[in-house]
Amino acid sequence: MKLALIGYGKMGKAIEEIALQKGHEIVLAISTENVEDLTTENLQQADAAIEFTNPHSAVENVKKCIDAGVPVICGSTGWLAEWDQVQAYCKEKNGALLYASNFSIGVNLFFELNSYLAKLMEHHQDTYDVSLEEIHHTQKKDAPSGTAITLAEQVLQHITGKKQWVNHISDNAAELEIISERIDPAPGTHKIKYHSAIDDIEIIHTAHNRKGFAGGAVLAAEFMKGKKGIYSMKEVLGL
């Protein structure tokens, strides 16, 4: 299939490498040096577009793809305050959008594990206190990571004593703390910890490189070819 890459940094290049290995063609690659090439005409050469830029550009880029009638796979994080508006726009235009805070197959299985563990711990909130930790490289622009936010939202669905997540150490029992660290060259580590006076229960996912993330993004693009509507990695992976 023919792919457009919107964002041609380290992640964009990792996606390109895997896409080419799988026999796909890159018909458009947008970086900060050729933003003017992100036009409807150029986008319409592609069967799908993969968008990895930044929180400030993502919404406009996604809308351009929807306007061009091209399915868009978005992995930019830090813009979800506008998620409802973007979903409404996609539905209004009969577009195709897949957003994921993380495309890695391993991380998406980790999401399922996290949700299941939180459900199990729902009846043990008086004994265990839960917290999250995430570590990324120093070039990561947003904190907490989109993946950490997804994990936190899953925990909040079941651990009703926690009312909101915060991105700092907290003594407030109603706050779910997410501790963010930026250390090179860490691609990404996420840990959920349930602590008690008796013992600790931890689940951890550690990425060794960008290949899992990039491979999942290409898999999502293959899934989205010819589709309309709004999807997530759950549909891609059959979870």
C-alpha atoms as a PDB file:
ATOM      1  CA  MET A   1       0.000   0.000   0.000  1.00  0.00           C
ATOM      2  CA  LYS A   2       0.990   3.640  -0.413  1.00  0.00           C
ATOM      3  CA  LEU A   3       1.717   5.567   2.779  1.00  0.00           C
ATOM      4  CA  ALA A   4       2.145   9.213   3.721  1.00  0.00           C
ATOM      5  CA  LEU A   5       4.360   9.960   6.720  1.00  0.00           C
ATOM      6  CA  ILE A   6       3.557  13.186   8.549  1.00  0.00           C
ATOM      7  CA  GLY A   7       6.516  13.621  10.857  1.00  0.00           C
ATOM      8  CA  TYR A   8       9.880  12.396   9.638  1.00  0.00           C
ATOM      9  CA  GLY A   9      11.996  12.343  12.783  1.00  0.00           C
ATOM     10  CA  LYS A  10      13.364   9.229  14.465  1.00  0.00           C
ATOM     11  CA  MET A  11       9.927   7.641  14.740  1.00  0.00           C
ATOM     12  CA  GLY A  12       8.993   8.518  11.160  1.00  0.00           C
ATOM     13  CA  LYS A  13      12.200   6.946   9.887  1.00  0.00           C
ATOM     14  CA  ALA A  14      11.625   3.822  12.008  1.00  0.00           C
ATOM     15  CA  ILE A  15       8.125   3.514  10.516  1.00  0.00           C
ATOM     16  CA  GLU A  16       9.528   4.004   7.014  1.00  0.00           C
ATOM     17  CA  GLU A  17      12.083   1.229   7.522  1.00  0.00           C
ATOM     18  CA  ILE A  18       9.460  -1.304   8.594  1.00  0.00           C
ATOM     19  CA  ALA A  19       6.954  -0.195   5.943  1.00  0.00           C
ATOM     20  CA  LEU A  20       9.522  -0.680   3.175  1.00  0.00           C
ATOM     21  CA  GLN A  21      10.506  -4.088   4.570  1.00  0.00           C
ATOM     22  CA  LYS A  22       6.840  -5.107   4.314  1.00  0.00           C
ATOM     23  CA  GLY A  23       6.656  -4.008   0.674  1.00  0.00           C
ATOM     24  CA  HIS A  24       4.819  -0.708   1.143  1.00  0.00           C
ATOM     25  CA  GLU A  25       5.649   2.520  -0.682  1.00  0.00           C
ATOM     26  CA  ILE A  26       6.242   5.915   0.945  1.00  0.00           C
ATOM     27  CA  VAL A  27       4.663   8.465  -1.400  1.00  0.00           C
ATOM     28  CA  LEU A  28       4.935  11.483   0.920  1.00  0.00           C
ATOM     29  CA  ALA A  29       7.219  12.290   3.860  1.00  0.00           C
ATOM     30  CA  ILE A  30       6.588  15.561   5.693  1.00  0.00           C
ATOM     31  CA  SER A  31       9.209  17.102   7.972  1.00  0.00           C
ATOM     32  CA  THR A  32       9.685  20.598   9.377  1.00  0.00           C
ATOM     33  CA  GLU A  33      11.535  21.459   6.164  1.00  0.00           C
ATOM     34  CA  ASN A  34       8.677  20.769   3.717  1.00  0.00           C
ATOM     35  CA  VAL A  35       5.449  21.452   5.635  1.00  0.00           C
ATOM     36  CA  GLU A  36       4.091  23.256   2.565  1.00  0.00           C
ATOM     37  CA  ASP A  37       3.919  19.872   0.789  1.00  0.00           C
ATOM     38  CA  LEU A  38       1.146  18.707   3.137  1.00  0.00           C
ATOM     39  CA  THR A  39      -1.613  19.356   0.600  1.00  0.00           C
ATOM     40  CA  THR A  40      -4.824  17.558  -0.302  1.00  0.00           C
ATOM     41  CA  GLU A  41      -3.395  16.650  -3.702  1.00  0.00           C
ATOM     42  CA  ASN A  42      -0.274  15.079  -2.202  1.00  0.00           C
ATOM     43  CA  LEU A  43      -2.177  13.284   0.554  1.00  0.00           C
ATOM     44  CA  GLN A  44      -4.584  11.732  -1.937  1.00  0.00           C
ATOM     45  CA  GLN A  45      -1.698   9.750  -3.444  1.00  0.00           C
ATOM     46  CA  ALA A  46      -1.706   7.643  -0.260  1.00  0.00           C
ATOM     47  CA  ASP A  47      -3.912   4.796   0.955  1.00  0.00           C
ATOM     48  CA  ALA A  48      -3.296   5.950   4.536  1.00  0.00           C
ATOM     49  CA  ALA A  49      -1.342   8.588   6.443  1.00  0.00           C
ATOM     50  CA  ILE A  50       0.645   8.026   9.638  1.00  0.00           C
ATOM     51  CA  GLU A  51       0.941  11.157  11.796  1.00  0.00           C
ATOM     52  CA  PHE A  52       3.702  11.510  14.408  1.00  0.00           C
ATOM     53  CA  THR A  53       4.482  15.158  15.062  1.00  0.00           C
ATOM     54  CA  ASN A  54       3.756  17.155  18.221  1.00  0.00           C
ATOM     55  CA  PRO A  55       0.779  18.363  20.294  1.00  0.00           C
ATOM     56  CA  HIS A  56       0.724  21.719  18.497  1.00  0.00           C
ATOM     57  CA  SER A  57       0.471  20.333  14.948  1.00  0.00           C
ATOM     58  CA  ALA A  58      -1.420  17.070  15.389  1.00  0.00           C
ATOM     59  CA  VAL A  59      -5.009  18.330  15.268  1.00  0.00           C
ATOM     60  CA  GLU A  60      -4.509  20.389  12.112  1.00  0.00           C
ATOM     61  CA  ASN A  61      -2.643  17.523  10.441  1.00  0.00           C
ATOM     62  CA  VAL A  62      -5.376  15.017  11.290  1.00  0.00           C
ATOM     63  CA  LYS A  63      -8.052  17.344   9.927  1.00  0.00           C
ATOM     64  CA  LYS A  64      -6.118  17.796   6.676  1.00  0.00           C
ATOM     65  CA  CYS A  65      -6.062  14.024   6.197  1.00  0.00           C
ATOM     66  CA  ILE A  66      -9.776  13.753   6.944  1.00  0.00           C
ATOM     67  CA  ASP A  67     -10.495  16.581   4.479  1.00  0.00           C
ATOM     68  CA  ALA A  68      -8.465  14.726   1.842  1.00  0.00           C
ATOM     69  CA  GLY A  69     -10.462  11.536   2.426  1.00  0.00           C
ATOM     70  CA  VAL A  70      -7.362   9.636   3.554  1.00  0.00           C
ATOM     71  CA  PRO A  71      -7.459   7.332   6.602  1.00  0.00           C
ATOM     72  CA  VAL A  72      -5.152   8.767   9.261  1.00  0.00           C
ATOM     73  CA  ILE A  73      -3.290   6.919  11.991  1.00  0.00           C
ATOM     74  CA  CYS A  74      -2.278   9.374  14.712  1.00  0.00           C
ATOM     75  CA  GLY A  75       0.348   8.661  17.347  1.00  0.00           C
ATOM     76  CA  SER A  76       1.026  12.217  18.493  1.00  0.00           C
ATOM     77  CA  THR A  77       0.227  12.697  22.175  1.00  0.00           C
ATOM     78  CA  GLY A  78      -0.470  15.696  24.365  1.00  0.00           C
ATOM     79  CA  TRP A  79      -3.491  17.022  22.423  1.00  0.00           C
ATOM     80  CA  LEU A  80      -6.375  14.967  23.835  1.00  0.00           C
ATOM     81  CA  ALA A  81      -8.119  18.010  25.301  1.00  0.00           C
ATOM     82  CA  GLU A  82      -9.336  18.378  21.691  1.00  0.00           C
ATOM     83  CA  TRP A  83     -10.220  14.689  21.204  1.00  0.00           C
ATOM     84  CA  ASP A  84     -13.992  15.159  21.367  1.00  0.00           C
ATOM     85  CA  GLN A  85     -13.838  17.935  18.781  1.00  0.00           C
ATOM     86  CA  VAL A  86     -11.664  15.853  16.439  1.00  0.00           C
ATOM     87  CA  GLN A  87     -13.973  12.831  16.757  1.00  0.00           C
ATOM     88  CA  ALA A  88     -16.970  15.014  15.894  1.00  0.00           C
ATOM     89  CA  TYR A  89     -15.096  16.452  12.895  1.00  0.00           C
ATOM     90  CA  CYS A  90     -14.204  12.977  11.643  1.00  0.00           C
ATOM     91  CA  LYS A  91     -17.827  11.800  11.921  1.00  0.00           C
ATOM     92  CA  GLU A  92     -19.134  14.946  10.223  1.00  0.00           C
ATOM     93  CA  LYS A  93     -16.756  14.466   7.282  1.00  0.00           C
ATOM     94  CA  ASN A  94     -17.263  10.672   7.150  1.00  0.00           C
ATOM     95  CA  GLY A  95     -13.533  10.269   7.670  1.00  0.00           C
ATOM     96  CA  ALA A  96     -11.326   7.511   9.023  1.00  0.00           C
ATOM     97  CA  LEU A  97      -9.203   7.961  12.150  1.00  0.00           C
ATOM     98  CA  LEU A  98      -7.246   5.649  14.402  1.00  0.00           C
ATOM     99  CA  TYR A  99      -5.618   7.172  17.472  1.00  0.00           C
ATOM    100  CA  ALA A 100      -3.425   5.315  19.933  1.00  0.00           C
ATOM    101  CA  SER A 101      -1.244   6.564  22.757  1.00  0.00           C
ATOM    102  CA  ASN A 102       0.995   3.599  21.943  1.00  0.00           C
ATOM    103  CA  PHE A 103       0.994   1.280  18.902  1.00  0.00           C
ATOM    104  CA  SER A 104       3.255  -1.416  20.331  1.00  0.00           C
ATOM    105  CA  ILE A 105       1.578  -4.825  20.479  1.00  0.00           C
ATOM    106  CA  GLY A 106       3.277  -5.433  23.830  1.00  0.00           C
ATOM    107  CA  VAL A 107       1.984  -2.185  25.314  1.00  0.00           C
ATOM    108  CA  ASN A 108      -1.558  -2.871  24.133  1.00  0.00           C
ATOM    109  CA  LEU A 109      -1.435  -6.281  25.805  1.00  0.00           C
ATOM    110  CA  PHE A 110      -0.053  -4.452  28.858  1.00  0.00           C
ATOM    111  CA  PHE A 111      -3.114  -2.171  28.769  1.00  0.00           C
ATOM    112  CA  GLU A 112      -5.340  -5.254  28.977  1.00  0.00           C
ATOM    113  CA  LEU A 113      -3.284  -6.642  31.861  1.00  0.00           C
ATOM    114  CA  ASN A 114      -3.399  -3.298  33.696  1.00  0.00           C
ATOM    115  CA  SER A 115      -7.164  -3.056  33.367  1.00  0.00           C
ATOM    116  CA  TYR A 116      -7.632  -6.633  34.589  1.00  0.00           C
ATOM    117  CA  LEU A 117      -5.323  -6.109  37.575  1.00  0.00           C
ATOM    118  CA  ALA A 118      -7.124  -2.879  38.528  1.00  0.00           C
ATOM    119  CA  LYS A 119     -10.423  -4.768  38.441  1.00  0.00           C
ATOM    120  CA  LEU A 120      -8.980  -7.447  40.739  1.00  0.00           C
ATOM    121  CA  MET A 121      -7.649  -4.793  43.139  1.00  0.00           C
ATOM    122  CA  GLU A 122     -10.991  -2.996  43.260  1.00  0.00           C
ATOM    123  CA  HIS A 123     -11.941  -4.919  46.407  1.00  0.00           C
ATOM    124  CA  HIS A 124      -8.571  -4.395  48.115  1.00  0.00           C
ATOM    125  CA  GLN A 125      -8.287  -0.609  48.033  1.00  0.00           C
ATOM    126  CA  ASP A 126      -8.053  -0.362  51.816  1.00  0.00           C
ATOM    127  CA  THR A 127      -4.942  -2.537  51.784  1.00  0.00           C
ATOM    128  CA  TYR A 128      -3.088  -1.411  48.657  1.00  0.00           C
ATOM    129  CA  ASP A 129      -2.222   2.050  47.352  1.00  0.00           C
ATOM    130  CA  VAL A 130      -1.530   2.371  43.636  1.00  0.00           C
ATOM    131  CA  SER A 131       0.931   4.631  41.789  1.00  0.00           C
ATOM    132  CA  LEU A 132       2.451   4.909  38.307  1.00  0.00           C
ATOM    133  CA  GLU A 133       5.936   5.660  37.042  1.00  0.00           C
ATOM    134  CA  GLU A 134       7.081   6.353  33.489  1.00  0.00           C
ATOM    135  CA  ILE A 135      10.579   6.889  32.093  1.00  0.00           C
ATOM    136  CA  HIS A 136      11.367   8.252  28.624  1.00  0.00           C
ATOM    137  CA  HIS A 137      14.219   9.878  26.720  1.00  0.00           C
ATOM    138  CA  THR A 138      14.818  13.607  27.199  1.00  0.00           C
ATOM    139  CA  GLN A 139      13.419  14.477  23.750  1.00  0.00           C
ATOM    140  CA  LYS A 140       9.945  13.365  24.848  1.00  0.00           C
ATOM    141  CA  LYS A 141       7.985  16.625  24.779  1.00  0.00           C
ATOM    142  CA  ASP A 142       4.958  15.784  26.942  1.00  0.00           C
ATOM    143  CA  ALA A 143       4.693  14.531  30.502  1.00  0.00           C
ATOM    144  CA  PRO A 144       3.138  12.328  31.600  1.00  0.00           C
ATOM    145  CA  SER A 145       3.316  10.188  28.484  1.00  0.00           C
ATOM    146  CA  GLY A 146       0.149   9.385  26.587  1.00  0.00           C
ATOM    147  CA  THR A 147       0.677   5.749  27.521  1.00  0.00           C
ATOM    148  CA  ALA A 148       0.864   6.651  31.225  1.00  0.00           C
ATOM    149  CA  ILE A 149      -2.370   8.636  30.929  1.00  0.00           C
ATOM    150  CA  THR A 150      -4.106   5.651  29.305  1.00  0.00           C
ATOM    151  CA  LEU A 151      -2.876   3.408  32.126  1.00  0.00           C
ATOM    152  CA  ALA A 152      -4.002   5.932  34.759  1.00  0.00           C
ATOM    153  CA  GLU A 153      -7.467   6.284  33.231  1.00  0.00           C
ATOM    154  CA  GLN A 154      -7.829   2.497  33.283  1.00  0.00           C
ATOM    155  CA  VAL A 155      -6.893   2.402  36.974  1.00  0.00           C
ATOM    156  CA  LEU A 156      -9.349   5.199  37.809  1.00  0.00           C
ATOM    157  CA  GLN A 157     -12.197   3.193  36.256  1.00  0.00           C
ATOM    158  CA  HIS A 158     -11.826   0.532  38.971  1.00  0.00           C
ATOM    159  CA  ILE A 159      -9.973   2.079  41.923  1.00  0.00           C
ATOM    160  CA  THR A 160     -12.788   4.368  43.003  1.00  0.00           C
ATOM    161  CA  GLY A 161     -10.872   5.804  45.947  1.00  0.00           C
ATOM    162  CA  LYS A 162      -8.694   7.629  43.419  1.00  0.00           C
ATOM    163  CA  LYS A 163     -10.536  10.584  41.906  1.00  0.00           C
ATOM    164  CA  GLN A 164      -7.917  11.977  39.509  1.00  0.00           C
ATOM    165  CA  TRP A 165      -4.326  11.507  38.396  1.00  0.00           C
ATOM    166  CA  VAL A 166      -1.586  14.069  39.076  1.00  0.00           C
ATOM    167  CA  ASN A 167       1.906  14.351  37.621  1.00  0.00           C
ATOM    168  CA  HIS A 168       3.780  14.697  40.908  1.00  0.00           C
ATOM    169  CA  ILE A 169       4.316  12.990  44.254  1.00  0.00           C
ATOM    170  CA  SER A 170       1.131  13.325  46.288  1.00  0.00           C
ATOM    171  CA  ASP A 171       0.120  12.743  49.912  1.00  0.00           C
ATOM    172  CA  ASN A 172      -3.547  13.020  48.942  1.00  0.00           C
ATOM    173  CA  ALA A 173      -5.094   9.547  49.073  1.00  0.00           C
ATOM    174  CA  ALA A 174      -7.641  10.560  46.421  1.00  0.00           C
ATOM    175  CA  GLU A 175      -4.910  11.383  43.876  1.00  0.00           C
ATOM    176  CA  LEU A 176      -3.246   8.802  41.645  1.00  0.00           C
ATOM    177  CA  GLU A 177       0.341   9.928  41.283  1.00  0.00           C
ATOM    178  CA  ILE A 178       2.251   9.565  38.030  1.00  0.00           C
ATOM    179  CA  ILE A 179       5.985  10.141  38.377  1.00  0.00           C
ATOM    180  CA  SER A 180       7.678  11.112  35.097  1.00  0.00           C
ATOM    181  CA  GLU A 181      11.422  10.850  34.527  1.00  0.00           C
ATOM    182  CA  ARG A 182      13.376  11.861  31.426  1.00  0.00           C
ATOM    183  CA  ILE A 183      16.607   9.900  31.050  1.00  0.00           C
ATOM    184  CA  ASP A 184      18.568   9.138  27.875  1.00  0.00           C
ATOM    185  CA  PRO A 185      18.502   6.832  26.019  1.00  0.00           C
ATOM    186  CA  ALA A 186      15.348   5.226  27.513  1.00  0.00           C
ATOM    187  CA  PRO A 187      12.730   4.541  24.756  1.00  0.00           C
ATOM    188  CA  GLY A 188       9.998   3.988  27.354  1.00  0.00           C
ATOM    189  CA  THR A 189       9.271   2.205  30.624  1.00  0.00           C
ATOM    190  CA  HIS A 190       5.905   2.140  32.416  1.00  0.00           C
ATOM    191  CA  LYS A 191       5.329   0.666  35.864  1.00  0.00           C
ATOM    192  CA  ILE A 192       2.143   0.278  37.902  1.00  0.00           C
ATOM    193  CA  LYS A 193       2.725  -0.466  41.571  1.00  0.00           C
ATOM    194  CA  TYR A 194       0.248  -1.585  44.231  1.00  0.00           C
ATOM    195  CA  HIS A 195       1.901  -1.060  47.635  1.00  0.00           C
ATOM    196  CA  SER A 196       0.874  -2.330  51.058  1.00  0.00           C
ATOM    197  CA  ALA A 197       2.548  -2.794  54.433  1.00  0.00           C
ATOM    198  CA  ILE A 198       2.709  -6.517  53.662  1.00  0.00           C
ATOM    199  CA  ASP A 199       3.883  -6.655  50.040  1.00  0.00           C
ATOM    200  CA  ASP A 200       4.033  -4.955  46.650  1.00  0.00           C
ATOM    201  CA  ILE A 201       2.548  -5.995  43.320  1.00  0.00           C
ATOM    202  CA  GLU A 202       4.144  -4.465  40.207  1.00  0.00           C
ATOM    203  CA  ILE A 203       3.629  -4.811  36.486  1.00  0.00           C
ATOM    204  CA  ILE A 204       6.212  -3.284  34.144  1.00  0.00           C
ATOM    205  CA  HIS A 205       6.578  -2.796  30.411  1.00  0.00           C
ATOM    206  CA  THR A 206       9.968  -1.750  29.039  1.00  0.00           C
ATOM    207  CA  ALA A 207      10.552  -0.928  25.377  1.00  0.00           C
ATOM    208  CA  HIS A 208      14.041  -1.749  24.101  1.00  0.00           C
ATOM    209  CA  ASN A 209      13.738   0.370  20.953  1.00  0.00           C
ATOM    210  CA  ARG A 210      11.182   2.023  18.657  1.00  0.00           C
ATOM    211  CA  LYS A 211      10.570  -1.052  16.499  1.00  0.00           C
ATOM    212  CA  GLY A 212       7.536  -2.283  18.437  1.00  0.00           C
ATOM    213  CA  PHE A 213       5.913   1.128  18.261  1.00  0.00           C
ATOM    214  CA  ALA A 214       6.740   1.599  14.573  1.00  0.00           C
ATOM    215  CA  GLY A 215       5.664  -1.911  13.608  1.00  0.00           C
ATOM    216  CA  GLY A 216       2.327  -1.435  15.334  1.00  0.00           C
ATOM    217  CA  ALA A 217       1.772   1.830  13.464  1.00  0.00           C
ATOM    218  CA  VAL A 218       2.317   0.080  10.117  1.00  0.00           C
ATOM    219  CA  LEU A 219      -0.042  -2.710  11.207  1.00  0.00           C
ATOM    220  CA  ALA A 220      -2.650  -0.049  12.054  1.00  0.00           C
ATOM    221  CA  ALA A 221      -2.219   1.552   8.618  1.00  0.00           C
ATOM    222  CA  GLU A 222      -2.775  -1.818   6.933  1.00  0.00           C
ATOM    223  CA  PHE A 223      -5.936  -2.269   9.006  1.00  0.00           C
ATOM    224  CA  MET A 224      -7.257   1.206   8.126  1.00  0.00           C
ATOM    225  CA  LYS A 225      -6.959   0.940   4.339  1.00  0.00           C
ATOM    226  CA  GLY A 226     -10.383   1.570   2.804  1.00  0.00           C
ATOM    227  CA  LYS A 227     -12.137   2.053   6.148  1.00  0.00           C
ATOM    228  CA  LYS A 228     -14.390   4.795   7.514  1.00  0.00           C
ATOM    229  CA  GLY A 229     -15.010   5.594  11.166  1.00  0.00           C
ATOM    230  CA  ILE A 230     -13.010   5.868  14.383  1.00  0.00           C
ATOM    231  CA  TYR A 231     -10.877   2.982  15.619  1.00  0.00           C
ATOM    232  CA  SER A 232      -8.301   2.024  18.229  1.00  0.00           C
ATOM    233  CA  MET A 233      -5.632  -0.646  18.536  1.00  0.00           C
ATOM    234  CA  LYS A 234      -8.216  -2.894  20.192  1.00  0.00           C
ATOM    235  CA  GLU A 235      -9.835  -3.438  16.788  1.00  0.00           C
ATOM    236  CA  VAL A 236      -6.472  -3.863  15.054  1.00  0.00           C
ATOM    237  CA  LEU A 237      -5.345  -6.556  17.499  1.00  0.00           C
ATOM    238  CA  GLY A 238      -8.759  -8.116  18.140  1.00  0.00           C
ATOM    239  CA  LEU A 239      -8.624  -7.389  21.872  1.00  0.00           C
END
